[in-house]
PDB file of N, CA and C in Angstrom:
ATOM      1  N   MET A   1     -81.132  17.274-145.817  1.00  0.00           N
ATOM      2  CA  MET A   1     -80.535  15.941-145.853  1.00  0.00           C
ATOM      3  C   MET A   1     -79.129  16.302-145.817  1.00  0.00           C
ATOM      4  N   GLY A   2     -78.345  15.591-144.900  1.00  0.00           N
ATOM      5  CA  GLY A   2     -76.761  15.527-145.023  1.00  0.00           C
ATOM      6  C   GLY A   2     -76.228  14.728-146.054  1.00  0.00           C
ATOM      7  N   ILE A   3     -74.994  14.969-145.958  1.00  0.00           N
ATOM      8  CA  ILE A   3     -74.089  14.070-146.965  1.00  0.00           C
ATOM      9  C   ILE A   3     -74.332  12.673-147.018  1.00  0.00           C
ATOM     10  N   LYS A   4     -74.119  12.121-145.714  1.00  0.00           N
ATOM     11  CA  LYS A   4     -74.404  10.844-145.372  1.00  0.00           C
ATOM     12  C   LYS A   4     -75.835  10.256-145.852  1.00  0.00           C
ATOM     13  N   GLY A   5     -76.840  11.032-145.878  1.00  0.00           N
ATOM     14  CA  GLY A   5     -78.361  10.765-146.151  1.00  0.00           C
ATOM     15  C   GLY A   5     -78.138  10.510-147.700  1.00  0.00           C
ATOM     16  N   LYS A   6     -77.690  11.609-148.264  1.00  0.00           N
ATOM     17  CA  LYS A   6     -77.523  11.531-150.051  1.00  0.00           C
ATOM     18  C   LYS A   6     -76.780  10.568-150.389  1.00  0.00           C
ATOM     19  N   PHE A   7     -75.593  10.168-149.741  1.00  0.00           N
ATOM     20  CA  PHE A   7     -74.927   9.108-150.169  1.00  0.00           C
ATOM     21  C   PHE A   7     -75.473   7.753-150.052  1.00  0.00           C
ATOM     22  N   GLU A   8     -76.362   7.667-148.724  1.00  0.00           N
ATOM     23  CA  GLU A   8     -77.067   6.254-148.783  1.00  0.00           C
ATOM     24  C   GLU A   8     -78.102   6.209-149.610  1.00  0.00           C
ATOM     25  N   ASN A   9     -78.744   7.080-150.126  1.00  0.00           N
ATOM     26  CA  ASN A   9     -79.862   7.198-151.211  1.00  0.00           C
ATOM     27  C   ASN A   9     -79.325   6.627-152.420  1.00  0.00           C
ATOM     28  N   GLN A  10     -78.041   7.265-152.812  1.00  0.00           N
ATOM     29  CA  GLN A  10     -77.444   6.981-153.988  1.00  0.00           C
ATOM     30  C   GLN A  10     -77.238   5.481-154.092  1.00  0.00           C
ATOM     31  N   LEU A  11     -76.506   5.127-152.982  1.00  0.00           N
ATOM     32  CA  LEU A  11     -76.335   3.566-152.938  1.00  0.00           C
ATOM     33  C   LEU A  11     -77.346   2.911-152.952  1.00  0.00           C
ATOM     34  N   THR A  12     -78.451   3.268-152.261  1.00  0.00           N
ATOM     35  CA  THR A  12     -79.738   2.356-152.330  1.00  0.00           C
ATOM     36  C   THR A  12     -80.156   2.270-153.768  1.00  0.00           C
ATOM     37  N   GLU A  13     -80.269   3.563-154.465  1.00  0.00           N
ATOM     38  CA  GLU A  13     -80.774   3.321-155.947  1.00  0.00           C
ATOM     39  C   GLU A  13     -79.913   2.438-156.596  1.00  0.00           C
ATOM     40  N   LEU A  14     -78.555   2.536-156.449  1.00  0.00           N
ATOM     41  CA  LEU A  14     -77.700   1.667-157.243  1.00  0.00           C
ATOM     42  C   LEU A  14     -77.951   0.238-156.949  1.00  0.00           C
ATOM     43  N   ALA A  15     -77.877  -0.052-155.573  1.00  0.00           N
ATOM     44  CA  ALA A  15     -78.232  -1.402-155.467  1.00  0.00           C
ATOM     45  C   ALA A  15     -79.441  -2.060-155.855  1.00  0.00           C
ATOM     46  N   GLU A  16     -80.421  -1.314-155.881  1.00  0.00           N
ATOM     47  CA  GLU A  16     -81.870  -1.571-156.437  1.00  0.00           C
ATOM     48  C   GLU A  16     -81.650  -2.033-157.919  1.00  0.00           C
ATOM     49  N   GLY A  17     -81.043  -1.139-158.485  1.00  0.00           N
ATOM     50  CA  GLY A  17     -80.836  -1.165-159.976  1.00  0.00           C
ATOM     51  C   GLY A  17     -80.001  -2.425-160.293  1.00  0.00           C
ATOM     52  N   ILE A  18     -79.048  -2.826-159.509  1.00  0.00           N
ATOM     53  CA  ILE A  18     -78.173  -3.890-159.813  1.00  0.00           C
ATOM     54  C   ILE A  18     -78.909  -5.147-159.352  1.00  0.00           C
ATOM     55  N   LYS A  19     -79.637  -5.082-158.283  1.00  0.00           N
ATOM     56  CA  LYS A  19     -80.494  -6.259-157.993  1.00  0.00           C
ATOM     57  C   LYS A  19     -81.416  -6.620-159.079  1.00  0.00           C
ATOM     58  N   ALA A  20     -82.044  -5.575-159.502  1.00  0.00           N
ATOM     59  CA  ALA A  20     -83.120  -5.791-160.597  1.00  0.00           C
ATOM     60  C   ALA A  20     -82.396  -6.395-161.930  1.00  0.00           C
ATOM     61  N   MET A  21     -81.333  -6.263-162.089  1.00  0.00           N
ATOM     62  CA  MET A  21     -80.482  -6.625-163.219  1.00  0.00           C
ATOM     63  C   MET A  21     -79.928  -8.015-162.893  1.00  0.00           C
ATOM     64  N   GLY A  22     -80.095  -8.502-161.598  1.00  0.00           N
ATOM     65  CA  GLY A  22     -79.249  -9.577-161.106  1.00  0.00           C
ATOM     66  C   GLY A  22     -79.633 -11.188-161.418  1.00  0.00           C
ATOM     67  N   HIS A  23     -80.045 -11.335-162.784  1.00  0.00           N
ATOM     68  CA  HIS A  23     -80.186 -12.621-163.187  1.00  0.00           C
ATOM     69  C   HIS A  23     -79.721 -12.668-164.708  1.00  0.00           C
ATOM     70  N   PRO A  24     -79.215 -13.777-165.134  1.00  0.00           N
ATOM     71  CA  PRO A  24     -78.698 -13.740-166.404  1.00  0.00           C
ATOM     72  C   PRO A  24     -79.918 -13.524-167.516  1.00  0.00           C
ATOM     73  N   ALA A  25     -81.158 -14.050-167.229  1.00  0.00           N
ATOM     74  CA  ALA A  25     -82.371 -13.751-168.212  1.00  0.00           C
ATOM     75  C   ALA A  25     -82.556 -12.424-168.276  1.00  0.00           C
ATOM     76  N   ARG A  26     -82.562 -11.564-167.308  1.00  0.00           N
ATOM     77  CA  ARG A  26     -82.873 -10.237-167.370  1.00  0.00           C
ATOM     78  C   ARG A  26     -81.760  -9.244-168.074  1.00  0.00           C
ATOM     79  N   ILE A  27     -80.538  -9.825-167.940  1.00  0.00           N
ATOM     80  CA  ILE A  27     -79.473  -9.060-168.817  1.00  0.00           C
ATOM     81  C   ILE A  27     -79.690  -9.517-170.245  1.00  0.00           C
ATOM     82  N   LEU A  28     -80.077 -10.639-170.413  1.00  0.00           N
ATOM     83  CA  LEU A  28     -80.416 -11.097-171.972  1.00  0.00           C
ATOM     84  C   LEU A  28     -81.508 -10.118-172.356  1.00  0.00           C
ATOM     85  N   ILE A  29     -82.568 -10.008-171.622  1.00  0.00           N
ATOM     86  CA  ILE A  29     -83.676  -9.155-172.061  1.00  0.00           C
ATOM     87  C   ILE A  29     -83.266  -7.698-172.289  1.00  0.00           C
ATOM     88  N   LEU A  30     -82.585  -7.155-171.255  1.00  0.00           N
ATOM     89  CA  LEU A  30     -81.871  -5.841-171.508  1.00  0.00           C
ATOM     90  C   LEU A  30     -81.105  -5.760-172.977  1.00  0.00           C
ATOM     91  N   LYS A  31     -80.187  -6.717-173.150  1.00  0.00           N
ATOM     92  CA  LYS A  31     -79.591  -6.767-174.296  1.00  0.00           C
ATOM     93  C   LYS A  31     -80.403  -6.760-175.551  1.00  0.00           C
ATOM     94  N   HIS A  32     -81.613  -7.682-175.506  1.00  0.00           N
ATOM     95  CA  HIS A  32     -82.339  -7.830-176.637  1.00  0.00           C
ATOM     96  C   HIS A  32     -83.047  -6.267-176.723  1.00  0.00           C
ATOM     97  N   LEU A  33     -83.522  -5.617-175.834  1.00  0.00           N
ATOM     98  CA  LEU A  33     -84.199  -4.426-175.870  1.00  0.00           C
ATOM     99  C   LEU A  33     -83.230  -3.422-176.431  1.00  0.00           C
ATOM    100  N   LEU A  34     -81.967  -3.421-176.007  1.00  0.00           N
ATOM    101  CA  LEU A  34     -81.019  -2.479-176.464  1.00  0.00           C
ATOM    102  C   LEU A  34     -80.643  -2.735-178.009  1.00  0.00           C
ATOM    103  N   GLU A  35     -80.645  -3.891-178.441  1.00  0.00           N
ATOM    104  CA  GLU A  35     -80.318  -4.311-179.806  1.00  0.00           C
ATOM    105  C   GLU A  35     -81.380  -4.222-180.748  1.00  0.00           C
ATOM    106  N   ASN A  36     -82.604  -4.588-180.256  1.00  0.00           N
ATOM    107  CA  ASN A  36     -84.009  -4.494-181.030  1.00  0.00           C
ATOM    108  C   ASN A  36     -84.971  -3.413-180.957  1.00  0.00           C
ATOM    109  N   GLY A  37     -84.636  -2.599-179.976  1.00  0.00           N
ATOM    110  CA  GLY A  37     -85.571  -1.635-179.563  1.00  0.00           C
ATOM    111  C   GLY A  37     -86.892  -2.170-179.061  1.00  0.00           C
ATOM    112  N   PRO A  38     -88.011  -1.187-179.199  1.00  0.00           N
ATOM    113  CA  PRO A  38     -89.268  -1.608-178.380  1.00  0.00           C
ATOM    114  C   PRO A  38     -89.501  -3.020-178.892  1.00  0.00           C
ATOM    115  N   SER A  39     -90.015  -3.775-177.891  1.00  0.00           N
ATOM    116  CA  SER A  39     -90.700  -5.293-178.263  1.00  0.00           C
ATOM    117  C   SER A  39     -91.544  -5.433-177.004  1.00  0.00           C
ATOM    118  N   SER A  40     -92.365  -6.506-177.741  1.00  0.00           N
ATOM    119  CA  SER A  40     -93.568  -7.110-176.892  1.00  0.00           C
ATOM    120  C   SER A  40     -92.871  -8.129-176.045  1.00  0.00           C
ATOM    121  N   CYS A  41     -93.600  -8.708-175.081  1.00  0.00           N
ATOM    122  CA  CYS A  41     -93.268  -9.798-174.393  1.00  0.00           C
ATOM    123  C   CYS A  41     -93.088 -10.970-175.440  1.00  0.00           C
ATOM    124  N   GLN A  42     -94.044 -11.071-176.390  1.00  0.00           N
ATOM    125  CA  GLN A  42     -93.945 -12.322-177.356  1.00  0.00           C
ATOM    126  C   GLN A  42     -92.664 -12.257-178.162  1.00  0.00           C
ATOM    127  N   ASP A  43     -92.305 -10.994-178.696  1.00  0.00           N
ATOM    128  CA  ASP A  43     -91.109 -10.574-179.367  1.00  0.00           C
ATOM    129  C   ASP A  43     -90.046 -11.224-178.477  1.00  0.00           C
ATOM    130  N   ILE A  44     -89.889 -10.990-177.393  1.00  0.00           N
ATOM    131  CA  ILE A  44     -88.774 -11.489-176.564  1.00  0.00           C
ATOM    132  C   ILE A  44     -88.676 -12.935-176.539  1.00  0.00           C
ATOM    133  N   VAL A  45     -89.924 -13.417-176.324  1.00  0.00           N
ATOM    134  CA  VAL A  45     -90.065 -14.856-176.005  1.00  0.00           C
ATOM    135  C   VAL A  45     -89.624 -15.575-177.334  1.00  0.00           C
ATOM    136  N   ASP A  46     -90.057 -15.052-178.574  1.00  0.00           N
ATOM    137  CA  ASP A  46     -89.502 -15.490-179.722  1.00  0.00           C
ATOM    138  C   ASP A  46     -88.071 -15.547-179.983  1.00  0.00           C
ATOM    139  N   GLN A  47     -87.210 -14.802-179.414  1.00  0.00           N
ATOM    140  CA  GLN A  47     -85.750 -14.471-179.409  1.00  0.00           C
ATOM    141  C   GLN A  47     -84.973 -15.217-178.492  1.00  0.00           C
ATOM    142  N   LEU A  48     -85.571 -15.445-177.143  1.00  0.00           N
ATOM    143  CA  LEU A  48     -84.697 -15.987-176.049  1.00  0.00           C
ATOM    144  C   LEU A  48     -85.312 -17.402-175.711  1.00  0.00           C
ATOM    145  N   PRO A  49     -84.492 -18.197-175.055  1.00  0.00           N
ATOM    146  CA  PRO A  49     -84.854 -19.504-174.757  1.00  0.00           C
ATOM    147  C   PRO A  49     -85.664 -19.678-173.318  1.00  0.00           C
ATOM    148  N   TYR A  50     -86.820 -18.832-173.218  1.00  0.00           N
ATOM    149  CA  TYR A  50     -87.522 -18.829-172.045  1.00  0.00           C
ATOM    150  C   TYR A  50     -88.942 -18.815-172.405  1.00  0.00           C
ATOM    151  N   SER A  51     -89.818 -19.331-171.393  1.00  0.00           N
ATOM    152  CA  SER A  51     -91.351 -19.370-171.570  1.00  0.00           C
ATOM    153  C   SER A  51     -91.605 -17.761-171.487  1.00  0.00           C
ATOM    154  N   GLN A  52     -93.045 -17.861-171.832  1.00  0.00           N
ATOM    155  CA  GLN A  52     -93.840 -16.501-171.670  1.00  0.00           C
ATOM    156  C   GLN A  52     -93.897 -16.047-170.265  1.00  0.00           C
ATOM    157  N   SER A  53     -94.236 -17.075-169.531  1.00  0.00           N
ATOM    158  CA  SER A  53     -94.378 -16.814-168.152  1.00  0.00           C
ATOM    159  C   SER A  53     -93.050 -16.450-167.428  1.00  0.00           C
ATOM    160  N   THR A  54     -92.041 -17.016-167.707  1.00  0.00           N
ATOM    161  CA  THR A  54     -90.656 -16.727-167.358  1.00  0.00           C
ATOM    162  C   THR A  54     -90.262 -15.231-167.684  1.00  0.00           C
ATOM    163  N   VAL A  55     -90.414 -14.947-168.923  1.00  0.00           N
ATOM    164  CA  VAL A  55     -90.123 -13.552-169.610  1.00  0.00           C
ATOM    165  C   VAL A  55     -91.033 -12.454-168.829  1.00  0.00           C
ATOM    166  N   SER A  56     -92.257 -12.804-168.709  1.00  0.00           N
ATOM    167  CA  SER A  56     -93.091 -11.909-168.135  1.00  0.00           C
ATOM    168  C   SER A  56     -92.780 -11.445-166.694  1.00  0.00           C
ATOM    169  N   GLY A  57     -92.360 -12.546-165.918  1.00  0.00           N
ATOM    170  CA  GLY A  57     -91.951 -12.438-164.478  1.00  0.00           C
ATOM    171  C   GLY A  57     -90.561 -11.464-164.544  1.00  0.00           C
ATOM    172  N   HIS A  58     -89.672 -11.728-165.430  1.00  0.00           N
ATOM    173  CA  HIS A  58     -88.340 -10.927-165.429  1.00  0.00           C
ATOM    174  C   HIS A  58     -88.660  -9.345-166.054  1.00  0.00           C
ATOM    175  N   LEU A  59     -89.540  -9.225-166.831  1.00  0.00           N
ATOM    176  CA  LEU A  59     -90.045  -8.008-167.382  1.00  0.00           C
ATOM    177  C   LEU A  59     -90.374  -7.205-166.289  1.00  0.00           C
ATOM    178  N   GLN A  60     -91.213  -7.878-165.397  1.00  0.00           N
ATOM    179  CA  GLN A  60     -91.954  -7.099-164.138  1.00  0.00           C
ATOM    180  C   GLN A  60     -90.768  -6.609-163.360  1.00  0.00           C
ATOM    181  N   LYS A  61     -89.809  -7.498-163.015  1.00  0.00           N
ATOM    182  CA  LYS A  61     -88.716  -7.245-162.148  1.00  0.00           C
ATOM    183  C   LYS A  61     -87.930  -6.035-162.766  1.00  0.00           C
ATOM    184  N   LEU A  62     -87.745  -6.116-164.014  1.00  0.00           N
ATOM    185  CA  LEU A  62     -87.100  -4.970-164.556  1.00  0.00           C
ATOM    186  C   LEU A  62     -87.843  -3.774-164.650  1.00  0.00           C
ATOM    187  N   LYS A  63     -88.930  -3.772-164.788  1.00  0.00           N
ATOM    188  CA  LYS A  63     -89.777  -2.735-164.704  1.00  0.00           C
ATOM    189  C   LYS A  63     -89.978  -2.162-163.220  1.00  0.00           C
ATOM    190  N   ASP A  64     -90.108  -2.770-162.135  1.00  0.00           N
ATOM    191  CA  ASP A  64     -89.991  -2.448-160.892  1.00  0.00           C
ATOM    192  C   ASP A  64     -88.784  -1.841-160.596  1.00  0.00           C
ATOM    193  N   GLY A  65     -87.661  -2.341-161.032  1.00  0.00           N
ATOM    194  CA  GLY A  65     -86.290  -1.704-160.791  1.00  0.00           C
ATOM    195  C   GLY A  65     -86.062  -0.522-161.769  1.00  0.00           C
ATOM    196  N   LYS A  66     -87.049  -0.035-162.543  1.00  0.00           N
ATOM    197  CA  LYS A  66     -86.953   1.235-163.363  1.00  0.00           C
ATOM    198  C   LYS A  66     -85.950   0.926-164.364  1.00  0.00           C
ATOM    199  N   LEU A  67     -85.623  -0.221-164.807  1.00  0.00           N
ATOM    200  CA  LEU A  67     -84.706  -0.363-165.940  1.00  0.00           C
ATOM    201  C   LEU A  67     -85.160  -0.453-167.291  1.00  0.00           C
ATOM    202  N   ILE A  68     -86.604  -0.614-167.295  1.00  0.00           N
ATOM    203  CA  ILE A  68     -87.436  -0.788-168.572  1.00  0.00           C
ATOM    204  C   ILE A  68     -88.594  -0.082-168.520  1.00  0.00           C
ATOM    205  N   LYS A  69     -89.275   0.480-169.477  1.00  0.00           N
ATOM    206  CA  LYS A  69     -90.601   1.065-169.342  1.00  0.00           C
ATOM    207  C   LYS A  69     -91.456   0.192-170.304  1.00  0.00           C
ATOM    208  N   MET A  70     -92.721   0.409-169.785  1.00  0.00           N
ATOM    209  CA  MET A  70     -93.775  -0.296-170.413  1.00  0.00           C
ATOM    210  C   MET A  70     -94.899   0.674-171.014  1.00  0.00           C
ATOM    211  N   LYS A  71     -95.361   0.383-172.199  1.00  0.00           N
ATOM    212  CA  LYS A  71     -96.450   1.212-172.730  1.00  0.00           C
ATOM    213  C   LYS A  71     -97.445   0.255-173.428  1.00  0.00           C
ATOM    214  N   PRO A  72     -98.640   0.445-172.870  1.00  0.00           N
ATOM    215  CA  PRO A  72     -99.718  -0.422-173.596  1.00  0.00           C
ATOM    216  C   PRO A  72    -100.146   0.033-175.014  1.00  0.00           C
ATOM    217  N   VAL A  73    -100.016  -1.076-175.775  1.00  0.00           N
ATOM    218  CA  VAL A  73    -100.318  -0.774-177.261  1.00  0.00           C
ATOM    219  C   VAL A  73    -101.414  -1.658-177.817  1.00  0.00           C
ATOM    220  N   LYS A  74    -102.781  -1.373-177.944  1.00  0.00           N
ATOM    221  CA  LYS A  74    -103.756  -2.212-178.232  1.00  0.00           C
ATOM    222  C   LYS A  74    -103.909  -3.254-177.231  1.00  0.00           C
ATOM    223  N   THR A  75    -103.828  -4.436-177.599  1.00  0.00           N
ATOM    224  CA  THR A  75    -103.964  -5.661-176.563  1.00  0.00           C
ATOM    225  C   THR A  75    -102.797  -5.970-175.984  1.00  0.00           C
ATOM    226  N   SER A  76    -101.699  -5.374-176.187  1.00  0.00           N
ATOM    227  CA  SER A  76    -100.535  -6.017-175.917  1.00  0.00           C
ATOM    228  C   SER A  76     -99.614  -4.872-174.905  1.00  0.00           C
ATOM    229  N   SER A  77     -98.444  -5.211-174.564  1.00  0.00           N
ATOM    230  CA  SER A  77     -97.598  -4.110-173.830  1.00  0.00           C
ATOM    231  C   SER A  77     -96.148  -4.143-174.660  1.00  0.00           C
ATOM    232  N   VAL A  78     -95.587  -2.917-174.852  1.00  0.00           N
ATOM    233  CA  VAL A  78     -94.328  -2.633-175.551  1.00  0.00           C
ATOM    234  C   VAL A  78     -93.433  -2.460-174.379  1.00  0.00           C
ATOM    235  N   TYR A  79     -92.426  -2.947-174.467  1.00  0.00           N
ATOM    236  CA  TYR A  79     -91.162  -2.549-173.591  1.00  0.00           C
ATOM    237  C   TYR A  79     -89.877  -1.962-174.113  1.00  0.00           C
ATOM    238  N   THR A  80     -89.434  -0.850-173.602  1.00  0.00           N
ATOM    239  CA  THR A  80     -88.301  -0.272-174.111  1.00  0.00           C
ATOM    240  C   THR A  80     -87.322  -0.236-172.745  1.00  0.00           C
ATOM    241  N   ILE A  81     -85.947  -0.168-173.235  1.00  0.00           N
ATOM    242  CA  ILE A  81     -84.886  -0.080-172.221  1.00  0.00           C
ATOM    243  C   ILE A  81     -84.947   1.361-171.531  1.00  0.00           C
ATOM    244  N   HIS A  82     -84.779   1.508-170.365  1.00  0.00           N
ATOM    245  CA  HIS A  82     -84.568   2.854-169.830  1.00  0.00           C
ATOM    246  C   HIS A  82     -83.174   3.321-169.684  1.00  0.00           C
ATOM    247  N   LEU A  83     -82.643   3.597-170.825  1.00  0.00           N
ATOM    248  CA  LEU A  83     -81.273   4.101-170.910  1.00  0.00           C
ATOM    249  C   LEU A  83     -80.665   4.741-169.868  1.00  0.00           C
ATOM    250  N   GLU A  84     -81.357   5.900-169.412  1.00  0.00           N
ATOM    251  CA  GLU A  84     -80.989   6.674-168.297  1.00  0.00           C
ATOM    252  C   GLU A  84     -80.607   6.020-167.085  1.00  0.00           C
ATOM    253  N   SER A  85     -81.350   4.975-166.746  1.00  0.00           N
ATOM    254  CA  SER A  85     -81.274   4.245-165.613  1.00  0.00           C
ATOM    255  C   SER A  85     -79.954   3.271-165.706  1.00  0.00           C
ATOM    256  N   ILE A  86     -79.693   2.713-166.896  1.00  0.00           N
ATOM    257  CA  ILE A  86     -78.475   1.865-167.155  1.00  0.00           C
ATOM    258  C   ILE A  86     -77.286   2.829-167.090  1.00  0.00           C
ATOM    259  N   GLU A  87     -77.439   3.903-167.691  1.00  0.00           N
ATOM    260  CA  GLU A  87     -76.247   4.786-167.673  1.00  0.00           C
ATOM    261  C   GLU A  87     -75.903   5.405-166.305  1.00  0.00           C
ATOM    262  N   MET A  88     -76.992   5.522-165.318  1.00  0.00           N
ATOM    263  CA  MET A  88     -76.956   5.946-164.125  1.00  0.00           C
ATOM    264  C   MET A  88     -76.070   4.851-163.257  1.00  0.00           C
ATOM    265  N   ILE A  89     -76.383   3.572-163.503  1.00  0.00           N
ATOM    266  CA  ILE A  89     -75.836   2.433-162.723  1.00  0.00           C
ATOM    267  C   ILE A  89     -74.337   2.307-163.158  1.00  0.00           C
ATOM    268  N   HIS A  90     -74.104   2.502-164.550  1.00  0.00           N
ATOM    269  CA  HIS A  90     -72.606   2.548-164.821  1.00  0.00           C
ATOM    270  C   HIS A  90     -71.897   3.641-164.315  1.00  0.00           C
ATOM    271  N   LYS A  91     -72.389   4.909-164.314  1.00  0.00           N
ATOM    272  CA  LYS A  91     -71.671   5.940-163.793  1.00  0.00           C
ATOM    273  C   LYS A  91     -71.636   5.766-162.104  1.00  0.00           C
ATOM    274  N   GLU A  92     -72.668   5.404-161.420  1.00  0.00           N
ATOM    275  CA  GLU A  92     -72.319   5.443-160.144  1.00  0.00           C
ATOM    276  C   GLU A  92     -71.535   4.040-159.520  1.00  0.00           C
ATOM    277  N   LEU A  93     -71.374   3.158-160.483  1.00  0.00           N
ATOM    278  CA  LEU A  93     -70.516   1.909-160.300  1.00  0.00           C
ATOM    279  C   LEU A  93     -69.071   2.568-160.410  1.00  0.00           C
ATOM    280  N   GLY A  94     -68.810   3.270-161.338  1.00  0.00           N
ATOM    281  CA  GLY A  94     -67.535   3.843-161.542  1.00  0.00           C
ATOM    282  C   GLY A  94     -67.286   4.914-160.539  1.00  0.00           C
ATOM    283  N   ASP A  95     -68.083   5.717-160.280  1.00  0.00           N
ATOM    284  CA  ASP A  95     -67.851   6.630-159.140  1.00  0.00           C
ATOM    285  C   ASP A  95     -67.721   5.999-157.695  1.00  0.00           C
ATOM    286  N   THR A  96     -68.425   5.114-157.374  1.00  0.00           N
ATOM    287  CA  THR A  96     -68.319   4.374-156.155  1.00  0.00           C
ATOM    288  C   THR A  96     -67.181   3.588-155.901  1.00  0.00           C
ATOM    289  N   PHE A  97     -66.633   2.894-157.092  1.00  0.00           N
ATOM    290  CA  PHE A  97     -65.370   2.264-156.796  1.00  0.00           C
ATOM    291  C   PHE A  97     -64.232   2.887-157.391  1.00  0.00           C
ATOM    292  N   ASN A  98     -64.366   4.189-157.783  1.00  0.00           N
ATOM    293  CA  ASN A  98     -63.409   5.012-158.278  1.00  0.00           C
ATOM    294  C   ASN A  98     -62.595   4.530-159.531  1.00  0.00           C
ATOM    295  N   PHE A  99     -63.320   3.950-160.507  1.00  0.00           N
ATOM    296  CA  PHE A  99     -62.582   3.429-161.621  1.00  0.00           C
ATOM    297  C   PHE A  99     -62.108   4.325-162.478  1.00  0.00           C
ATOM    298  N   LYS A 100     -60.680   4.226-162.394  1.00  0.00           N
ATOM    299  CA  LYS A 100     -59.839   5.125-163.357  1.00  0.00           C
ATOM    300  C   LYS A 100     -58.556   4.244-163.723  1.00  0.00           C
ATOM    301  N   SER A 101     -58.146   4.641-164.939  1.00  0.00           N
ATOM    302  CA  SER A 101     -57.311   3.697-165.450  1.00  0.00           C
ATOM    303  C   SER A 101     -56.100   3.487-164.437  1.00  0.00           C
ATOM    304  N   GLU A 102     -55.601   4.583-163.875  1.00  0.00           N
ATOM    305  CA  GLU A 102     -54.410   4.474-163.046  1.00  0.00           C
ATOM    306  C   GLU A 102     -54.841   3.897-161.632  1.00  0.00           C
ATOM    307  N   SER A 103     -56.071   3.683-161.254  1.00  0.00           N
ATOM    308  CA  SER A 103     -56.280   2.942-159.956  1.00  0.00           C
ATOM    309  C   SER A 103     -56.481   1.546-160.442  1.00  0.00           C
ATOM    310  N   LYS A 104     -56.635   0.943-161.442  1.00  0.00           N
ATOM    311  CA  LYS A 104     -56.759  -0.400-161.818  1.00  0.00           C
ATOM    312  C   LYS A 104     -55.754  -1.326-161.052  1.00  0.00           C
ATOM    313  N   LYS A 105     -54.534  -0.742-161.231  1.00  0.00           N
ATOM    314  CA  LYS A 105     -53.242  -1.479-160.728  1.00  0.00           C
ATOM    315  C   LYS A 105     -53.360  -1.721-159.228  1.00  0.00           C
ATOM    316  N   GLN A 106     -54.095  -0.818-158.568  1.00  0.00           N
ATOM    317  CA  GLN A 106     -54.372  -0.763-156.910  1.00  0.00           C
ATOM    318  C   GLN A 106     -55.296  -1.726-156.586  1.00  0.00           C
ATOM    319  N   MET A 107     -56.180  -2.152-157.510  1.00  0.00           N
ATOM    320  CA  MET A 107     -57.174  -2.956-157.258  1.00  0.00           C
ATOM    321  C   MET A 107     -56.897  -4.425-157.160  1.00  0.00           C
ATOM    322  N   SER A 108     -55.824  -4.846-157.923  1.00  0.00           N
ATOM    323  CA  SER A 108     -55.424  -6.254-157.883  1.00  0.00           C
ATOM    324  C   SER A 108     -54.367  -6.653-156.887  1.00  0.00           C
ATOM    325  N   LEU A 109     -54.829  -7.635-156.276  1.00  0.00           N
ATOM    326  CA  LEU A 109     -53.878  -8.045-155.059  1.00  0.00           C
ATOM    327  C   LEU A 109     -52.715  -9.051-155.627  1.00  0.00           C
ATOM    328  N   PHE A 110     -53.065  -9.530-156.707  1.00  0.00           N
ATOM    329  CA  PHE A 110     -52.060 -10.729-157.111  1.00  0.00           C
ATOM    330  C   PHE A 110     -51.646 -10.490-158.640  1.00  0.00           C
TER     331      PHE A 110
END
């Protein structure tokens, strides 16, 4: 695979991660998992202003986007944040847009 293919794969992974994160409820769920650790769907429902079906749907999107992990425990499922994926998105965004303190001045047109 050439450099172009590798670059496109990295951008595709980045875009998929951002897309999976692309709803305020999903960001709140990620924040909940980061702050509270492993949680069941019901734990999340109890803390956020969303119904069980809404949280379940968003958990599935986050899981499909590889931003969280799920482990069956007895009759429930426990979700944890996939920190490596979040860190990868953070790093790739910085690398893609060349975020450095000296380049911030160049980014602003006004």
